[in-house]
Amino acid sequence: MRRRVSPLHFDGHRLRALRRQRGLRVEDVAAISGITARHIWRLEAGTRPRVAAVTLARIALALNTSVDYLVGLTDNPSATRRAGEAPPSEFMEKDEMP
């Protein structure tokens, strides 16, 4: 049986809020992550809804958070899932739920 996962949605507002909470400017995140400030502004504004995994990983490292937080799999910016741990139920099909 094929496993289907609900689509993940990157939310630029979450990125902006966390960046501000960390006291960082867009330019700071750009310098730390190696991603251009212009690209980060676009991500925060929501004009780039599809984000490469490597971009998410770089931003997560720069903000000391997880990719899970950036894509909404958790609401805890410091939480990460352990290998093999199931995602939240809203990202699973009914027949896959424990």
N, C-alpha and C. Protein backbone atom coordinates (compact mmCIF):
# COMPACT_ATOMS: atom_id res chain seq x y z
N MET A 1 0.83 -1.16 0.00
CA MET A 1 0.00 0.00 0.00
C MET A 1 0.90 1.25 0.00
N ARG A 2 0.55 2.20 -0.84
CA ARG A 2 1.29 3.45 -0.90
C ARG A 2 0.90 4.35 0.25
N ARG A 3 1.88 5.01 0.78
CA ARG A 3 1.65 5.98 1.84
C ARG A 3 1.46 7.35 1.24
N ARG A 4 0.40 8.00 1.57
CA ARG A 4 0.19 9.36 1.11
C ARG A 4 0.33 10.31 2.29
N VAL A 5 1.03 11.39 2.05
CA VAL A 5 1.24 12.39 3.08
C VAL A 5 0.59 13.68 2.62
N SER A 6 -0.13 14.32 3.51
CA SER A 6 -0.73 15.60 3.17
C SER A 6 0.37 16.59 2.80
N PRO A 7 0.07 17.48 1.87
CA PRO A 7 1.11 18.44 1.46
C PRO A 7 1.50 19.35 2.62
N LEU A 8 2.79 19.65 2.66
CA LEU A 8 3.29 20.57 3.66
C LEU A 8 3.23 21.97 3.08
N HIS A 9 2.97 22.93 3.93
CA HIS A 9 2.88 24.31 3.47
C HIS A 9 3.84 25.18 4.27
N PHE A 10 4.74 25.81 3.55
CA PHE A 10 5.65 26.75 4.18
C PHE A 10 4.91 28.05 4.42
N ASP A 11 5.01 28.57 5.62
CA ASP A 11 4.33 29.82 5.98
C ASP A 11 5.38 30.88 6.29
N GLY A 12 5.50 31.86 5.40
CA GLY A 12 6.48 32.92 5.57
C GLY A 12 6.27 33.76 6.82
N HIS A 13 5.01 33.84 7.28
CA HIS A 13 4.73 34.61 8.50
C HIS A 13 5.41 33.96 9.71
N ARG A 14 5.46 32.66 9.71
CA ARG A 14 6.11 31.94 10.80
C ARG A 14 7.61 32.24 10.79
N LEU A 15 8.20 32.25 9.61
CA LEU A 15 9.62 32.57 9.46
C LEU A 15 9.88 33.99 9.96
N ARG A 16 9.08 34.95 9.52
CA ARG A 16 9.27 36.35 9.93
C ARG A 16 9.15 36.50 11.44
N ALA A 17 8.12 35.90 12.02
CA ALA A 17 7.90 36.03 13.46
C ALA A 17 9.07 35.45 14.25
N LEU A 18 9.56 34.30 13.83
CA LEU A 18 10.68 33.68 14.54
C LEU A 18 11.95 34.51 14.38
N ARG A 19 12.19 35.02 13.19
CA ARG A 19 13.37 35.86 12.95
C ARG A 19 13.33 37.07 13.88
N ARG A 20 12.18 37.71 13.95
CA ARG A 20 12.05 38.89 14.81
C ARG A 20 12.19 38.52 16.29
N GLN A 21 11.62 37.38 16.66
CA GLN A 21 11.73 36.91 18.05
C GLN A 21 13.19 36.68 18.42
N ARG A 22 13.97 36.21 17.47
CA ARG A 22 15.39 35.96 17.70
C ARG A 22 16.22 37.26 17.63
N GLY A 23 15.57 38.37 17.28
CA GLY A 23 16.27 39.66 17.22
C GLY A 23 17.19 39.79 16.03
N LEU A 24 16.85 39.12 14.94
CA LEU A 24 17.69 39.13 13.74
C LEU A 24 17.05 39.93 12.62
N ARG A 25 17.88 40.59 11.85
CA ARG A 25 17.42 41.25 10.64
C ARG A 25 17.48 40.24 9.49
N VAL A 26 16.78 40.52 8.41
CA VAL A 26 16.83 39.65 7.23
C VAL A 26 18.28 39.49 6.79
N GLU A 27 19.03 40.58 6.82
CA GLU A 27 20.43 40.53 6.42
C GLU A 27 21.26 39.61 7.31
N ASP A 28 20.92 39.55 8.59
CA ASP A 28 21.62 38.65 9.51
C ASP A 28 21.38 37.19 9.12
N VAL A 29 20.11 36.85 8.88
CA VAL A 29 19.77 35.48 8.49
C VAL A 29 20.43 35.14 7.16
N ALA A 30 20.46 36.10 6.25
CA ALA A 30 21.09 35.89 4.95
C ALA A 30 22.58 35.58 5.12
N ALA A 31 23.25 36.34 5.96
CA ALA A 31 24.69 36.13 6.17
C ALA A 31 24.97 34.78 6.82
N ILE A 32 24.14 34.40 7.77
CA ILE A 32 24.35 33.14 8.48
C ILE A 32 24.02 31.94 7.59
N SER A 33 22.95 32.06 6.82
CA SER A 33 22.45 30.91 6.04
C SER A 33 23.07 30.78 4.66
N GLY A 34 23.62 31.87 4.14
CA GLY A 34 24.15 31.83 2.78
C GLY A 34 23.07 32.00 1.72
N ILE A 35 21.90 32.42 2.13
CA ILE A 35 20.77 32.67 1.22
C ILE A 35 20.65 34.18 1.08
N THR A 36 20.33 34.65 -0.08
CA THR A 36 20.26 36.10 -0.27
C THR A 36 19.13 36.71 0.55
N ALA A 37 19.35 37.94 0.98
CA ALA A 37 18.32 38.66 1.72
C ALA A 37 17.06 38.80 0.87
N ARG A 38 17.23 39.02 -0.40
CA ARG A 38 16.08 39.16 -1.29
C ARG A 38 15.22 37.89 -1.28
N HIS A 39 15.88 36.73 -1.31
CA HIS A 39 15.13 35.47 -1.29
C HIS A 39 14.39 35.30 0.03
N ILE A 40 15.03 35.66 1.13
CA ILE A 40 14.38 35.55 2.44
C ILE A 40 13.18 36.50 2.51
N TRP A 41 13.31 37.72 2.00
CA TRP A 41 12.17 38.64 1.98
C TRP A 41 11.02 38.04 1.19
N ARG A 42 11.33 37.42 0.06
CA ARG A 42 10.28 36.80 -0.76
C ARG A 42 9.62 35.65 -0.02
N LEU A 43 10.41 34.85 0.69
CA LEU A 43 9.84 33.76 1.47
C LEU A 43 8.91 34.29 2.56
N GLU A 44 9.35 35.32 3.25
CA GLU A 44 8.53 35.90 4.31
C GLU A 44 7.24 36.51 3.75
N ALA A 45 7.32 37.08 2.57
CA ALA A 45 6.16 37.72 1.95
C ALA A 45 5.20 36.70 1.33
N GLY A 46 5.64 35.46 1.21
CA GLY A 46 4.78 34.43 0.64
C GLY A 46 4.77 34.38 -0.87
N THR A 47 5.70 35.07 -1.51
CA THR A 47 5.75 35.04 -2.97
C THR A 47 6.50 33.82 -3.50
N ARG A 48 7.09 33.05 -2.61
CA ARG A 48 7.77 31.80 -2.97
C ARG A 48 7.20 30.66 -2.13
N PRO A 49 6.02 30.15 -2.50
CA PRO A 49 5.38 29.12 -1.68
C PRO A 49 6.08 27.77 -1.73
N ARG A 50 6.83 27.50 -2.78
CA ARG A 50 7.56 26.23 -2.88
C ARG A 50 9.02 26.51 -2.55
N VAL A 51 9.50 25.85 -1.51
CA VAL A 51 10.83 26.13 -1.00
C VAL A 51 11.65 24.85 -1.06
N ALA A 52 12.87 24.94 -1.57
CA ALA A 52 13.77 23.79 -1.64
C ALA A 52 14.13 23.33 -0.23
N ALA A 53 14.30 22.04 -0.07
CA ALA A 53 14.63 21.47 1.23
C ALA A 53 15.93 22.03 1.77
N VAL A 54 16.91 22.20 0.92
CA VAL A 54 18.19 22.73 1.38
C VAL A 54 18.03 24.17 1.88
N THR A 55 17.16 24.95 1.26
CA THR A 55 16.90 26.31 1.72
C THR A 55 16.26 26.29 3.10
N LEU A 56 15.27 25.42 3.28
CA LEU A 56 14.63 25.30 4.59
C LEU A 56 15.64 24.88 5.66
N ALA A 57 16.49 23.94 5.31
CA ALA A 57 17.49 23.46 6.27
C ALA A 57 18.45 24.57 6.66
N ARG A 58 18.90 25.36 5.70
CA ARG A 58 19.83 26.46 5.99
C ARG A 58 19.16 27.52 6.89
N ILE A 59 17.92 27.84 6.58
CA ILE A 59 17.20 28.83 7.39
C ILE A 59 16.96 28.28 8.80
N ALA A 60 16.57 27.02 8.89
CA ALA A 60 16.35 26.41 10.21
C ALA A 60 17.62 26.46 11.05
N LEU A 61 18.75 26.13 10.46
CA LEU A 61 20.02 26.20 11.20
C LEU A 61 20.34 27.63 11.61
N ALA A 62 20.10 28.58 10.72
CA ALA A 62 20.39 29.98 11.02
C ALA A 62 19.53 30.50 12.17
N LEU A 63 18.30 30.02 12.25
CA LEU A 63 17.38 30.48 13.29
C LEU A 63 17.33 29.57 14.51
N ASN A 64 18.18 28.53 14.50
CA ASN A 64 18.22 27.58 15.60
C ASN A 64 16.84 26.98 15.86
N THR A 65 16.23 26.49 14.79
CA THR A 65 14.93 25.85 14.87
C THR A 65 14.95 24.61 14.00
N SER A 66 13.81 24.01 13.77
CA SER A 66 13.72 22.82 12.94
C SER A 66 12.95 23.11 11.66
N VAL A 67 13.20 22.32 10.65
CA VAL A 67 12.41 22.40 9.42
C VAL A 67 10.96 22.06 9.75
N ASP A 68 10.75 21.14 10.67
CA ASP A 68 9.39 20.79 11.10
C ASP A 68 8.62 22.03 11.54
N TYR A 69 9.27 22.90 12.27
CA TYR A 69 8.61 24.12 12.72
C TYR A 69 8.29 25.03 11.53
N LEU A 70 9.24 25.18 10.62
CA LEU A 70 9.04 26.08 9.48
C LEU A 70 7.91 25.63 8.56
N VAL A 71 7.66 24.33 8.49
CA VAL A 71 6.58 23.84 7.62
C VAL A 71 5.32 23.48 8.39
N GLY A 72 5.29 23.76 9.68
CA GLY A 72 4.08 23.58 10.46
C GLY A 72 3.83 22.20 11.02
N LEU A 73 4.84 21.34 11.06
CA LEU A 73 4.65 20.02 11.66
C LEU A 73 4.65 20.08 13.18
N THR A 74 5.17 21.16 13.73
CA THR A 74 5.15 21.38 15.17
C THR A 74 4.98 22.87 15.41
N ASP A 75 4.41 23.20 16.55
CA ASP A 75 4.28 24.60 16.93
C ASP A 75 5.36 25.04 17.90
N ASN A 76 6.24 24.13 18.22
CA ASN A 76 7.34 24.42 19.14
C ASN A 76 8.60 24.71 18.32
N PRO A 77 9.08 25.95 18.32
CA PRO A 77 10.24 26.29 17.48
C PRO A 77 11.52 25.59 17.89
N SER A 78 11.57 25.00 19.07
CA SER A 78 12.79 24.30 19.47
C SER A 78 12.63 22.78 19.42
N ALA A 79 11.47 22.31 19.00
CA ALA A 79 11.21 20.87 18.97
C ALA A 79 11.62 20.25 17.64
N THR A 80 12.11 19.05 17.69
CA THR A 80 12.38 18.28 16.49
C THR A 80 11.85 16.87 16.72
N ARG A 81 11.44 16.21 15.63
CA ARG A 81 10.99 14.83 15.74
C ARG A 81 12.21 13.93 15.68
N ARG A 82 12.16 12.85 16.42
CA ARG A 82 13.23 11.86 16.36
C ARG A 82 13.02 10.95 15.16
N ALA A 83 14.09 10.36 14.70
CA ALA A 83 14.01 9.44 13.56
C ALA A 83 12.99 8.36 13.86
N GLY A 84 12.09 8.12 12.93
CA GLY A 84 11.08 7.09 13.08
C GLY A 84 9.82 7.54 13.78
N GLU A 85 9.83 8.73 14.37
CA GLU A 85 8.65 9.24 15.06
C GLU A 85 7.64 9.71 14.03
N ALA A 86 6.39 9.38 14.24
CA ALA A 86 5.33 9.73 13.29
C ALA A 86 5.05 11.23 13.33
N PRO A 87 4.68 11.80 12.17
CA PRO A 87 4.28 13.20 12.15
C PRO A 87 2.93 13.37 12.84
N PRO A 88 2.53 14.60 13.12
CA PRO A 88 1.22 14.82 13.73
C PRO A 88 0.10 14.22 12.89
N SER A 89 -0.99 13.86 13.53
CA SER A 89 -2.07 13.13 12.87
C SER A 89 -2.67 13.87 11.69
N GLU A 90 -2.66 15.20 11.68
CA GLU A 90 -3.25 15.92 10.56
C GLU A 90 -2.47 15.74 9.26
N PHE A 91 -1.27 15.15 9.33
CA PHE A 91 -0.48 14.90 8.15
C PHE A 91 -0.51 13.42 7.73
N MET A 92 -1.39 12.65 8.36
CA MET A 92 -1.48 11.22 8.04
C MET A 92 -2.86 10.90 7.49
N GLU A 93 -2.91 9.89 6.64
CA GLU A 93 -4.19 9.39 6.13
C GLU A 93 -4.88 8.62 7.25
N LYS A 94 -6.19 8.54 7.22
CA LYS A 94 -6.94 7.87 8.27
C LYS A 94 -6.51 6.43 8.48
N ASP A 95 -6.22 5.71 7.39
CA ASP A 95 -5.84 4.30 7.53
C ASP A 95 -4.43 4.13 8.08
N GLU A 96 -3.67 5.18 8.22
CA GLU A 96 -2.32 5.08 8.74
C GLU A 96 -2.23 5.44 10.22
N MET A 97 -3.30 5.99 10.75
CA MET A 97 -3.27 6.44 12.14
C MET A 97 -3.25 5.25 13.07
N PRO A 98 -2.46 5.39 14.16
CA PRO A 98 -2.35 4.28 15.13
C PRO A 98 -3.65 4.01 15.85
